């Protein structure tokens, strides 16, 4: 590495701290966390912490530094908020000063299991549980500092000043793409660590013709890879955790000319209403060495996963090696099939449809699912929601850049791609019923094994989708959803309304 690069990197190493303890073991980090009152051990051996007022990501506090590198390459707007470079410099100076005379914990590893597209990462943490989370979610591999290195400061106790620092509150997550530096202030929620790095990967990898993806991935006995894209509540984690297949990863991947590779070394699973019966793989992964966020414990310190009194967004973090079906490698060949998941609460989308590469690009641009009544304040009936690329909050470039790259890779590798509805049939939420998980799993099996291709396909009248007339083991009346509705006119009305919304979203992001 050139001397000027080394000099630049050295500016990010905190000075005058009391101590820096690097890459401590899991027991050592847990011991420090308990000693400092950061959390308690559960009866299962997990470290359980509470993250204060932030129990989820704070999108209004996430900024990207506006400079000569980012000004013409970032898709600025409500998602990617600009922070003037001069304000970043002041905040960085105050953050480094805040660390003086403190005991700091450092994790040093990497992001990305493909060595050709790997970034090193150094995380300087104020709290032990933040370092523990980093140890789980990133890949534990110490490498030399190179220009492909991220440096992150996780300082929940450090507050910014919204008036002078040009932020929206006293918390801020700041990404400097030119310096490859991240500052997290004011929030203890570990998801900010994970998604800040993910956003950086989503910025840099397309320059290398690598598609970054917010998806899960698994692999079968025949070395066949399947990808699952989907927003929260659509079944991305559930369907990829298949006991007959091996899990490559549950959330963040890249697609290069070499194939598919996991960005991470662990999982960060939602655990509200988690049970051994319904999610045995995730349930059994939470043991000594794992981390729980905002989970209520009983008197004997047993996790009560049904209690949402702190938040619905309770979480568990654990390394991939704790997952019983984990693939022995964090990468695989090019995918054979891709599944776009949606949970349509209007009951009008077909349970499964075959997509062309152009259809895939368009549905990738809209990223449709629906919010249910009661999930958020003020929602009294289902609402359509859209998140382009199935991960808009983490995509700093224009959506069409990612969608065009996806379309190209699908064509190059001749990948089969499908839209899978895990939502309602026979009527909207409250009238119809949700497609049961057994039926959905059977459809996924047809997709992965390729037997769906033996079906006769017809064109859907309302969405223009290509849907099968028959699938073995699947009730024929649900494959074309209008057949499961008593009121055909009402179906047509709701289907046309949703189709127009989807078309509008696609058109919006094609530009």
Protein backbone atom coordinates (compact mmCIF):
# COMPACT_ATOMS: atom_id res chain seq x y z
CA UNK A 1 0.00 0.00 0.00
CA UNK A 2 1.17 3.52 -0.82
CA UNK A 3 2.49 5.76 1.93
CA UNK A 4 -0.31 8.30 1.55
CA UNK A 5 -2.91 5.55 1.99
CA UNK A 6 -1.22 4.39 5.19
CA UNK A 7 -1.16 7.96 6.45
CA UNK A 8 -4.88 8.38 5.71
CA UNK A 9 -5.75 5.16 7.52
CA UNK A 10 -3.69 6.13 10.58
CA UNK A 11 -5.86 9.22 11.01
CA UNK A 12 -8.74 6.93 11.95
CA UNK A 13 -6.95 5.08 14.74
CA UNK A 14 -8.12 6.59 18.04
CA UNK A 15 -5.39 8.29 20.06
CA UNK A 16 -5.03 8.83 23.81
CA UNK A 17 -7.49 6.12 24.76
CA UNK A 18 -6.90 4.27 28.00
CA UNK A 19 -6.64 0.92 26.22
CA UNK A 20 -7.61 -0.87 23.01
CA UNK A 21 -8.40 -4.55 23.40
CA UNK A 22 -8.48 -6.24 20.02
CA UNK A 23 -10.42 -9.31 18.91
CA UNK A 24 -11.25 -10.67 22.34
CA UNK A 25 -12.92 -14.05 22.57
CA UNK A 26 -16.67 -14.46 23.02
CA UNK A 27 -16.35 -15.39 26.74
CA UNK A 28 -14.06 -12.40 27.34
CA UNK A 29 -16.51 -9.98 25.71
CA UNK A 30 -19.46 -11.42 27.61
CA UNK A 31 -17.51 -11.18 30.87
CA UNK A 32 -16.74 -7.49 30.23
CA UNK A 33 -20.35 -6.77 29.25
CA UNK A 34 -21.71 -8.31 32.45
CA UNK A 35 -19.07 -6.62 34.60
CA UNK A 36 -19.98 -3.23 33.10
CA UNK A 37 -23.71 -3.78 33.51
CA UNK A 38 -24.44 -3.90 29.78
CA UNK A 39 -26.58 -7.02 30.06
CA UNK A 40 -27.30 -10.30 31.83
CA UNK A 41 -26.94 -13.98 31.02
CA UNK A 42 -30.14 -15.85 30.22
CA UNK A 43 -30.89 -19.39 31.38
CA UNK A 44 -29.82 -20.53 27.89
CA UNK A 45 -26.45 -18.78 28.16
CA UNK A 46 -27.16 -15.85 25.81
CA UNK A 47 -26.16 -12.31 26.68
CA UNK A 48 -29.37 -10.25 26.83
CA UNK A 49 -29.15 -6.46 26.46
CA UNK A 50 -31.53 -3.54 26.14
CA UNK A 51 -30.83 -0.84 23.59
CA UNK A 52 -32.61 2.10 25.21
CA UNK A 53 -34.79 4.44 23.19
CA UNK A 54 -33.64 3.00 19.86
CA UNK A 55 -35.04 -0.51 19.37
CA UNK A 56 -34.74 -0.36 15.59
CA UNK A 57 -32.93 1.54 12.90
CA UNK A 58 -33.35 5.30 12.78
CA UNK A 59 -33.58 6.12 9.04
CA UNK A 60 -34.00 9.86 9.60
CA UNK A 61 -30.63 9.90 11.36
CA UNK A 62 -28.65 8.11 8.62
CA UNK A 63 -26.46 10.43 6.53
CA UNK A 64 -23.98 10.11 3.69
CA UNK A 65 -21.24 12.73 3.49
CA UNK A 66 -21.71 14.97 0.46
CA UNK A 67 -18.34 15.36 -1.28
CA UNK A 68 -16.70 15.21 -4.70
CA UNK A 69 -17.01 11.38 -4.69
CA UNK A 70 -20.64 11.02 -3.63
CA UNK A 71 -22.28 14.12 -5.12
CA UNK A 72 -22.89 12.61 -8.58
CA UNK A 73 -23.09 8.90 -7.66
CA UNK A 74 -25.50 8.79 -4.70
CA UNK A 75 -29.25 8.90 -5.27
CA UNK A 76 -29.98 11.81 -2.93
CA UNK A 77 -33.45 12.18 -1.43
CA UNK A 78 -35.54 11.11 1.54
CA UNK A 79 -33.55 7.87 1.95
CA UNK A 80 -30.00 9.07 1.29
CA UNK A 81 -29.64 12.25 3.31
CA UNK A 82 -26.59 14.47 2.61
CA UNK A 83 -24.29 15.77 5.34
CA UNK A 84 -21.87 18.60 4.38
CA UNK A 85 -18.25 17.49 4.42
CA UNK A 86 -17.26 20.30 6.80
CA UNK A 87 -19.84 19.11 9.37
CA UNK A 88 -18.56 15.55 9.10
CA UNK A 89 -15.02 16.70 9.88
CA UNK A 90 -16.21 18.48 13.02
CA UNK A 91 -18.24 15.45 14.16
CA UNK A 92 -15.33 13.08 13.52
CA UNK A 93 -13.03 15.31 15.56
CA UNK A 94 -15.51 15.35 18.46
CA UNK A 95 -16.01 11.57 18.22
CA UNK A 96 -12.28 10.91 18.47
CA UNK A 97 -12.04 13.32 21.41
CA UNK A 98 -14.92 11.48 23.10
CA UNK A 99 -12.91 8.25 23.01
CA UNK A 100 -9.98 9.70 24.95
CA UNK A 101 -9.29 8.03 28.32
CA UNK A 102 -11.78 5.26 27.56
CA UNK A 103 -11.29 1.51 27.29
CA UNK A 104 -12.06 0.67 23.65
CA UNK A 105 -12.79 -2.73 22.18
CA UNK A 106 -11.75 -3.40 18.60
CA UNK A 107 -12.99 -6.02 16.19
CA UNK A 108 -10.89 -6.55 13.10
CA UNK A 109 -12.14 -8.82 10.35
CA UNK A 110 -13.72 -8.61 6.93
CA UNK A 111 -16.97 -8.35 4.99
CA UNK A 112 -17.57 -10.64 2.03
CA UNK A 113 -16.62 -14.31 1.78
CA UNK A 114 -15.31 -14.01 -1.80
CA UNK A 115 -11.64 -12.96 -1.49
CA UNK A 116 -11.84 -11.17 -4.84
CA UNK A 117 -14.47 -8.76 -3.48
CA UNK A 118 -13.68 -8.67 0.20
CA UNK A 119 -13.43 -5.53 2.33
CA UNK A 120 -11.59 -5.44 5.63
CA UNK A 121 -13.40 -3.84 8.53
CA UNK A 122 -12.19 -2.39 11.84
CA UNK A 123 -14.85 -1.63 14.42
CA UNK A 124 -13.93 0.44 17.48
CA UNK A 125 -16.59 -0.06 20.15
CA UNK A 126 -17.48 1.72 23.36
CA UNK A 127 -19.50 -1.26 24.60
CA UNK A 128 -18.54 -4.93 24.73
CA UNK A 129 -21.86 -6.14 23.32
CA UNK A 130 -21.30 -4.03 20.17
CA UNK A 131 -17.94 -5.77 19.68
CA UNK A 132 -19.64 -9.13 20.30
CA UNK A 133 -22.25 -8.36 17.65
CA UNK A 134 -19.50 -7.37 15.21
CA UNK A 135 -17.68 -10.63 15.92
CA UNK A 136 -20.85 -12.59 15.07
CA UNK A 137 -22.04 -10.68 12.01
CA UNK A 138 -18.72 -10.03 10.26
CA UNK A 139 -16.20 -12.62 9.14
CA UNK A 140 -13.46 -13.37 11.64
CA UNK A 141 -10.36 -13.06 9.50
CA UNK A 142 -7.55 -10.66 10.37
CA UNK A 143 -6.06 -9.07 7.26
CA UNK A 144 -3.63 -6.26 6.65
CA UNK A 145 -5.07 -2.79 6.22
CA UNK A 146 -5.61 -2.00 2.55
CA UNK A 147 -7.47 0.64 0.59
CA UNK A 148 -10.44 -1.77 0.72
CA UNK A 149 -10.87 -1.20 4.45
CA UNK A 150 -13.82 0.22 6.36
CA UNK A 151 -13.30 1.86 9.75
CA UNK A 152 -16.27 2.17 12.07
CA UNK A 153 -16.72 3.93 15.41
CA UNK A 154 -19.67 2.65 17.46
CA UNK A 155 -20.19 5.24 20.21
CA UNK A 156 -23.72 5.11 21.68
CA UNK A 157 -22.71 7.47 24.50
CA UNK A 158 -21.53 10.17 22.10
CA UNK A 159 -24.21 12.68 21.05
CA UNK A 160 -24.16 15.07 18.13
CA UNK A 161 -25.68 18.54 18.23
CA UNK A 162 -28.48 18.83 15.64
CA UNK A 163 -28.27 22.61 15.58
CA UNK A 164 -24.56 22.97 14.91
CA UNK A 165 -23.83 19.59 13.30
CA UNK A 166 -26.75 19.74 10.79
CA UNK A 167 -28.26 16.44 11.96
CA UNK A 168 -31.90 15.67 12.75
CA UNK A 169 -31.40 14.64 16.39
CA UNK A 170 -28.65 13.90 18.90
CA UNK A 171 -28.13 10.51 17.22
CA UNK A 172 -26.46 10.05 13.86
CA UNK A 173 -25.22 7.27 11.60
CA UNK A 174 -22.75 8.86 9.20
CA UNK A 175 -21.19 7.17 6.18
CA UNK A 176 -18.18 8.75 4.50
CA UNK A 177 -17.75 6.86 1.24
CA UNK A 178 -14.54 8.66 0.27
CA UNK A 179 -12.79 7.85 3.55
CA UNK A 180 -14.64 4.53 4.01
CA UNK A 181 -15.42 5.64 7.54
CA UNK A 182 -18.61 5.19 9.58
CA UNK A 183 -19.57 6.94 12.81
CA UNK A 184 -22.51 5.66 14.86
CA UNK A 185 -23.52 7.98 17.70
CA UNK A 186 -26.42 7.99 20.13
CA UNK A 187 -27.88 4.56 19.28
CA UNK A 188 -27.17 1.21 20.94
CA UNK A 189 -29.23 -0.76 18.39
CA UNK A 190 -26.88 -3.27 16.78
CA UNK A 191 -28.71 -3.30 13.46
CA UNK A 192 -27.13 0.06 12.66
CA UNK A 193 -23.69 -1.62 12.62
CA UNK A 194 -24.81 -4.30 10.21
CA UNK A 195 -26.75 -2.09 7.82
CA UNK A 196 -24.16 0.70 7.70
CA UNK A 197 -21.58 -1.72 6.28
CA UNK A 198 -24.22 -3.26 3.99
CA UNK A 199 -24.97 0.20 2.56
CA UNK A 200 -21.27 0.74 1.88
CA UNK A 201 -21.01 -2.62 0.08
CA UNK A 202 -24.08 -1.67 -1.95
CA UNK A 203 -22.26 1.47 -3.07
CA UNK A 204 -18.87 0.02 -3.98
CA UNK A 205 -19.65 -3.41 -5.47
CA UNK A 206 -21.65 -2.28 -8.55
CA UNK A 207 -18.49 -0.47 -9.69
CA UNK A 208 -16.95 -3.94 -9.93
CA UNK A 209 -19.98 -5.41 -11.78
CA UNK A 210 -20.99 -7.25 -8.60
CA UNK A 211 -24.67 -7.14 -7.64
CA UNK A 212 -25.21 -6.59 -3.89
CA UNK A 213 -28.46 -8.22 -2.74
CA UNK A 214 -30.75 -8.04 0.28
CA UNK A 215 -31.69 -11.71 0.13
CA UNK A 216 -31.20 -15.11 1.71
CA UNK A 217 -29.49 -18.00 -0.07
CA UNK A 218 -29.40 -21.76 0.30
CA UNK A 219 -27.88 -24.65 -1.62
CA UNK A 220 -29.02 -28.20 -2.37
CA UNK A 221 -27.29 -31.55 -2.71
CA UNK A 222 -26.82 -30.97 -6.43
CA UNK A 223 -24.93 -27.73 -5.77
CA UNK A 224 -27.99 -25.75 -6.86
CA UNK A 225 -28.34 -22.30 -5.29
CA UNK A 226 -31.68 -20.58 -4.64
CA UNK A 227 -32.09 -16.92 -3.66
CA UNK A 228 -35.02 -15.46 -1.72
CA UNK A 229 -35.75 -11.73 -1.87
CA UNK A 230 -38.44 -10.25 0.34
CA UNK A 231 -39.37 -7.51 2.76
CA UNK A 232 -40.13 -8.09 6.44
CA UNK A 233 -42.91 -10.59 7.06
CA UNK A 234 -42.84 -12.24 3.63
CA UNK A 235 -41.03 -15.43 4.69
CA UNK A 236 -37.46 -14.81 3.50
CA UNK A 237 -35.84 -16.34 6.59
CA UNK A 238 -38.45 -19.06 7.09
CA UNK A 239 -38.31 -20.40 3.53
CA UNK A 240 -34.52 -20.30 3.23
CA UNK A 241 -34.15 -22.28 6.47
CA UNK A 242 -34.97 -25.57 4.77
CA UNK A 243 -33.79 -28.75 6.56
CA UNK A 244 -33.29 -30.45 3.18
CA UNK A 245 -30.85 -27.74 2.04
CA UNK A 246 -27.85 -25.86 3.45
CA UNK A 247 -27.99 -22.20 4.39
CA UNK A 248 -25.37 -19.95 2.77
CA UNK A 249 -26.75 -16.87 4.50
CA UNK A 250 -29.98 -15.28 5.64
CA UNK A 251 -29.74 -11.63 4.61
CA UNK A 252 -26.87 -10.08 2.58
CA UNK A 253 -25.11 -11.49 -0.48
CA UNK A 254 -23.13 -10.51 -3.55
CA UNK A 255 -23.37 -11.96 -7.06
CA UNK A 256 -20.07 -11.83 -8.94
CA UNK A 257 -18.70 -13.65 -11.97
CA UNK A 258 -17.60 -16.32 -9.46
CA UNK A 259 -21.11 -16.94 -8.12
CA UNK A 260 -22.96 -16.10 -4.90
CA UNK A 261 -21.18 -15.09 -1.68
CA UNK A 262 -22.36 -14.12 1.79
CA UNK A 263 -21.27 -10.73 3.11
CA UNK A 264 -21.60 -11.87 6.70
CA UNK A 265 -20.39 -14.49 9.14
CA UNK A 266 -23.57 -14.71 11.20
CA UNK A 267 -27.31 -14.12 11.46
CA UNK A 268 -29.46 -11.39 12.99
CA UNK A 269 -32.90 -12.91 13.33
CA UNK A 270 -36.18 -11.47 14.51
CA UNK A 271 -37.35 -13.51 17.48
CA UNK A 272 -40.79 -12.18 18.38
CA UNK A 273 -43.05 -15.23 18.93
CA UNK A 274 -40.11 -17.53 18.21
CA UNK A 275 -40.80 -21.15 19.15
CA UNK A 276 -38.98 -24.44 18.89
CA UNK A 277 -41.96 -25.94 17.04
CA UNK A 278 -42.26 -23.32 14.28
CA UNK A 279 -38.63 -22.21 13.85
CA UNK A 280 -36.43 -25.00 15.29
CA UNK A 281 -33.28 -24.00 13.38
CA UNK A 282 -33.30 -20.41 14.64
CA UNK A 283 -34.48 -21.42 18.13
CA UNK A 284 -31.68 -23.93 18.58
CA UNK A 285 -29.06 -21.45 17.30
CA UNK A 286 -29.66 -19.18 20.30
CA UNK A 287 -27.39 -20.58 22.99
CA UNK A 288 -24.23 -19.64 24.88
CA UNK A 289 -22.31 -17.05 22.91
CA UNK A 290 -25.37 -15.57 21.21
CA UNK A 291 -26.75 -12.08 21.80
CA UNK A 292 -30.37 -11.09 22.47
CA UNK A 293 -31.67 -7.55 22.07
CA UNK A 294 -34.71 -6.26 23.99
CA UNK A 295 -36.07 -9.71 24.83
CA UNK A 296 -38.02 -9.89 28.09
CA UNK A 297 -36.81 -12.52 30.57
CA UNK A 298 -38.87 -14.38 33.14
CA UNK A 299 -37.85 -14.52 36.81
CA UNK A 300 -35.56 -17.47 36.13
CA UNK A 301 -34.04 -15.56 33.15
CA UNK A 302 -35.75 -17.65 30.50
CA UNK A 303 -36.43 -15.64 27.31
CA UNK A 304 -40.11 -14.91 26.76
CA UNK A 305 -40.27 -14.49 23.01
CA UNK A 306 -43.99 -13.72 23.09
CA UNK A 307 -43.51 -10.53 25.13
CA UNK A 308 -43.34 -7.43 22.94
CA UNK A 309 -43.59 -4.90 25.77
CA UNK A 310 -40.26 -3.31 24.78
CA UNK A 311 -40.60 -3.76 21.02
CA UNK A 312 -41.94 -6.09 18.33
CA UNK A 313 -38.44 -5.92 16.87
CA UNK A 314 -36.73 -8.26 19.34
CA UNK A 315 -33.56 -9.72 17.87
CA UNK A 316 -31.02 -12.52 18.21
CA UNK A 317 -27.47 -12.44 16.81
CA UNK A 318 -25.34 -15.57 16.47
CA UNK A 319 -22.53 -16.93 14.27
CA UNK A 320 -23.23 -19.11 11.24
CA UNK A 321 -21.40 -21.98 12.92
CA UNK A 322 -24.26 -22.13 15.45
CA UNK A 323 -26.77 -22.89 12.67
CA UNK A 324 -27.33 -26.62 12.27
CA UNK A 325 -27.97 -26.42 8.50
CA UNK A 326 -25.21 -23.91 7.73
CA UNK A 327 -23.25 -24.59 4.55
CA UNK A 328 -19.60 -25.34 5.29
CA UNK A 329 -18.74 -22.45 2.95
CA UNK A 330 -20.24 -18.97 2.84
CA UNK A 331 -20.46 -19.01 -0.96
CA UNK A 332 -21.78 -21.03 -3.86
CA UNK A 333 -22.11 -21.14 -7.66
CA UNK A 334 -24.46 -18.99 -9.72
CA UNK A 335 -28.10 -19.39 -8.71
CA UNK A 336 -30.41 -21.79 -10.55
CA UNK A 337 -33.53 -19.97 -9.40
CA UNK A 338 -34.58 -16.74 -7.71
CA UNK A 339 -37.76 -16.18 -5.72
CA UNK A 340 -39.30 -12.74 -5.14
CA UNK A 341 -41.52 -12.91 -2.06
CA UNK A 342 -44.56 -10.75 -1.40
CA UNK A 343 -47.24 -11.02 1.28
CA UNK A 344 -50.25 -9.60 -0.55
CA UNK A 345 -52.90 -8.74 2.05
CA UNK A 346 -55.39 -7.73 -0.66
CA UNK A 347 -55.69 -11.37 -1.76
CA UNK A 348 -55.38 -10.64 -5.47
CA UNK A 349 -51.84 -11.71 -6.40
CA UNK A 350 -51.37 -15.31 -7.60
CA UNK A 351 -49.51 -17.67 -5.24
CA UNK A 352 -46.82 -18.18 -7.89
CA UNK A 353 -45.91 -16.67 -11.25
CA UNK A 354 -43.03 -17.15 -13.65
CA UNK A 355 -41.10 -13.97 -14.52
CA UNK A 356 -39.10 -13.07 -17.61
CA UNK A 357 -35.81 -11.18 -17.09
CA UNK A 358 -37.65 -7.95 -17.94
CA UNK A 359 -40.47 -8.79 -15.50
CA UNK A 360 -37.84 -9.54 -12.86
CA UNK A 361 -36.20 -6.15 -13.39
CA UNK A 362 -39.58 -4.41 -13.04
CA UNK A 363 -40.72 -6.28 -9.91
CA UNK A 364 -37.27 -5.74 -8.43
CA UNK A 365 -37.78 -2.00 -8.98
CA UNK A 366 -41.10 -1.94 -7.13
CA UNK A 367 -40.37 -4.42 -4.30
CA UNK A 368 -44.04 -4.85 -3.37
CA UNK A 369 -45.57 -6.25 -0.19
CA UNK A 370 -48.33 -5.00 2.12
CA UNK A 371 -48.64 -3.73 5.67
CA UNK A 372 -51.38 -5.18 7.83
CA UNK A 373 -53.91 -3.43 10.01
CA UNK A 374 -52.53 -2.97 13.50
CA UNK A 375 -48.84 -3.29 12.60
CA UNK A 376 -48.38 0.48 12.77
CA UNK A 377 -50.34 3.25 14.42
CA UNK A 378 -53.12 4.52 12.16
CA UNK A 379 -53.24 1.52 9.81
CA UNK A 380 -56.80 0.15 9.95
CA UNK A 381 -56.80 -1.78 6.67
CA UNK A 382 -54.11 -3.35 4.44
CA UNK A 383 -51.79 -0.91 2.69
CA UNK A 384 -49.50 -1.48 -0.28
CA UNK A 385 -45.87 -0.75 0.53
CA UNK A 386 -42.91 -0.64 -1.83
CA UNK A 387 -39.17 -0.87 -1.25
CA UNK A 388 -37.14 -0.95 -4.44
CA UNK A 389 -34.56 -3.72 -4.74
CA UNK A 390 -36.27 -5.24 -1.68
CA UNK A 391 -34.02 -3.03 0.44
CA UNK A 392 -34.41 0.65 -0.47
CA UNK A 393 -33.03 2.02 2.86
CA UNK A 394 -29.65 0.42 2.10
CA UNK A 395 -29.27 1.25 -1.60
CA UNK A 396 -27.26 4.47 -2.08
CA UNK A 397 -27.25 4.36 -5.89
CA UNK A 398 -30.16 4.81 -8.29
CA UNK A 399 -32.50 1.79 -8.26
CA UNK A 400 -32.20 1.24 -12.00
CA UNK A 401 -28.46 0.58 -11.62
CA UNK A 402 -29.13 -2.45 -9.41
CA UNK A 403 -32.14 -3.62 -11.44
CA UNK A 404 -30.27 -3.46 -14.77
CA UNK A 405 -27.36 -5.40 -13.27
CA UNK A 406 -29.79 -8.05 -12.00
CA UNK A 407 -31.46 -8.37 -15.40
CA UNK A 408 -28.09 -8.78 -17.10
CA UNK A 409 -26.94 -11.50 -14.72
CA UNK A 410 -30.23 -13.38 -15.05
CA UNK A 411 -29.83 -13.43 -18.83
CA UNK A 412 -26.13 -14.38 -18.71
CA UNK A 413 -26.71 -17.32 -16.34
CA UNK A 414 -30.15 -18.32 -17.67
CA UNK A 415 -31.66 -18.17 -14.18
CA UNK A 416 -35.27 -19.15 -13.59
CA UNK A 417 -37.13 -16.49 -11.61
CA UNK A 418 -40.52 -16.50 -9.88
CA UNK A 419 -42.85 -14.28 -7.90
CA UNK A 420 -44.21 -16.05 -4.82
CA UNK A 421 -47.16 -14.67 -2.83
CA UNK A 422 -47.14 -15.77 0.82
CA UNK A 423 -50.16 -13.58 1.62
CA UNK A 424 -53.92 -13.99 1.32
CA UNK A 425 -56.36 -15.75 -1.05
CA UNK A 426 -60.14 -15.75 -1.32
CA UNK A 427 -60.39 -12.16 -0.11
CA UNK A 428 -58.45 -9.42 1.60
CA UNK A 429 -57.00 -9.69 5.10
CA UNK A 430 -59.92 -10.21 7.50
CA UNK A 431 -62.07 -11.90 4.84
CA UNK A 432 -59.84 -14.36 3.03
CA UNK A 433 -57.24 -16.66 4.53
CA UNK A 434 -53.47 -16.70 4.41
CA UNK A 435 -51.83 -19.27 2.18
CA UNK A 436 -50.66 -21.93 4.61
CA UNK A 437 -46.94 -22.50 5.01
CA UNK A 438 -47.17 -26.14 3.90
CA UNK A 439 -48.66 -25.10 0.56
CA UNK A 440 -46.01 -22.41 0.15
CA UNK A 441 -43.23 -24.89 0.88
CA UNK A 442 -44.64 -27.29 -1.72
CA UNK A 443 -44.61 -24.50 -4.31
CA UNK A 444 -41.01 -23.63 -3.39
CA UNK A 445 -40.09 -27.30 -3.82
CA UNK A 446 -41.60 -27.26 -7.33
CA UNK A 447 -39.59 -24.11 -8.10
CA UNK A 448 -36.26 -25.43 -6.80
CA UNK A 449 -36.61 -28.87 -8.39
CA UNK A 450 -37.78 -27.33 -11.66
CA UNK A 451 -41.00 -29.39 -11.86
CA UNK A 452 -43.01 -26.17 -12.12
CA UNK A 453 -41.65 -25.86 -15.67
CA UNK A 454 -43.70 -28.93 -16.68
CA UNK A 455 -46.90 -26.98 -16.10
CA UNK A 456 -49.07 -25.31 -18.70
CA UNK A 457 -48.92 -21.55 -18.14
CA UNK A 458 -51.57 -18.92 -18.81
CA UNK A 459 -51.45 -15.12 -18.78
CA UNK A 460 -53.05 -13.36 -15.82
CA UNK A 461 -55.56 -10.73 -16.99
CA UNK A 462 -54.84 -8.07 -14.37
CA UNK A 463 -51.10 -8.12 -13.67
CA UNK A 464 -49.90 -9.64 -16.92
CA UNK A 465 -48.21 -12.43 -14.95
CA UNK A 466 -47.51 -15.92 -16.27
CA UNK A 467 -49.13 -18.40 -13.89
CA UNK A 468 -49.33 -22.24 -13.88
CA UNK A 469 -52.71 -23.91 -14.38
CA UNK A 470 -51.72 -27.01 -12.38
CA UNK A 471 -49.10 -28.00 -9.81
CA UNK A 472 -49.09 -31.39 -8.16
CA UNK A 473 -50.23 -31.16 -4.54
CA UNK A 474 -51.50 -27.57 -4.89
CA UNK A 475 -55.27 -26.85 -4.95
CA UNK A 476 -56.00 -25.79 -8.54
CA UNK A 477 -58.51 -23.12 -7.50
CA UNK A 478 -55.86 -21.01 -5.73
CA UNK A 479 -53.36 -20.84 -8.60
CA UNK A 480 -55.56 -18.28 -10.35
CA UNK A 481 -56.72 -16.20 -7.36
CA UNK A 482 -59.96 -14.91 -8.92
CA UNK A 483 -61.30 -18.47 -8.73
CA UNK A 484 -61.09 -18.40 -4.93
CA UNK A 485 -63.16 -15.20 -4.62
CA UNK A 486 -66.96 -15.35 -4.33
CA UNK A 487 -67.32 -11.74 -5.50
CA UNK A 488 -65.51 -11.67 -8.86
CA UNK A 489 -66.30 -7.98 -9.46
CA UNK A 490 -64.73 -7.02 -6.13
CA UNK A 491 -61.64 -9.06 -7.02
CA UNK A 492 -61.34 -7.27 -10.37
CA UNK A 493 -61.65 -3.86 -8.68
CA UNK A 494 -58.94 -4.56 -6.08
CA UNK A 495 -56.64 -6.27 -8.59
CA UNK A 496 -56.78 -3.31 -10.97
CA UNK A 497 -56.12 -0.87 -8.12
CA UNK A 498 -53.02 -2.77 -7.03
CA UNK A 499 -51.80 -3.29 -10.61
CA UNK A 500 -51.89 0.48 -11.20
CA UNK A 501 -49.90 1.13 -8.01
CA UNK A 502 -47.26 -1.42 -9.02
CA UNK A 503 -47.05 0.03 -12.54
CA UNK A 504 -46.61 3.52 -11.08
CA UNK A 505 -43.74 2.40 -8.84
CA UNK A 506 -41.96 0.67 -11.71
CA UNK A 507 -42.25 3.73 -13.94
CA UNK A 508 -41.00 5.98 -11.14
CA UNK A 509 -37.75 4.06 -10.68
CA UNK A 510 -36.98 3.29 -14.34
CA UNK A 511 -35.72 6.84 -14.80
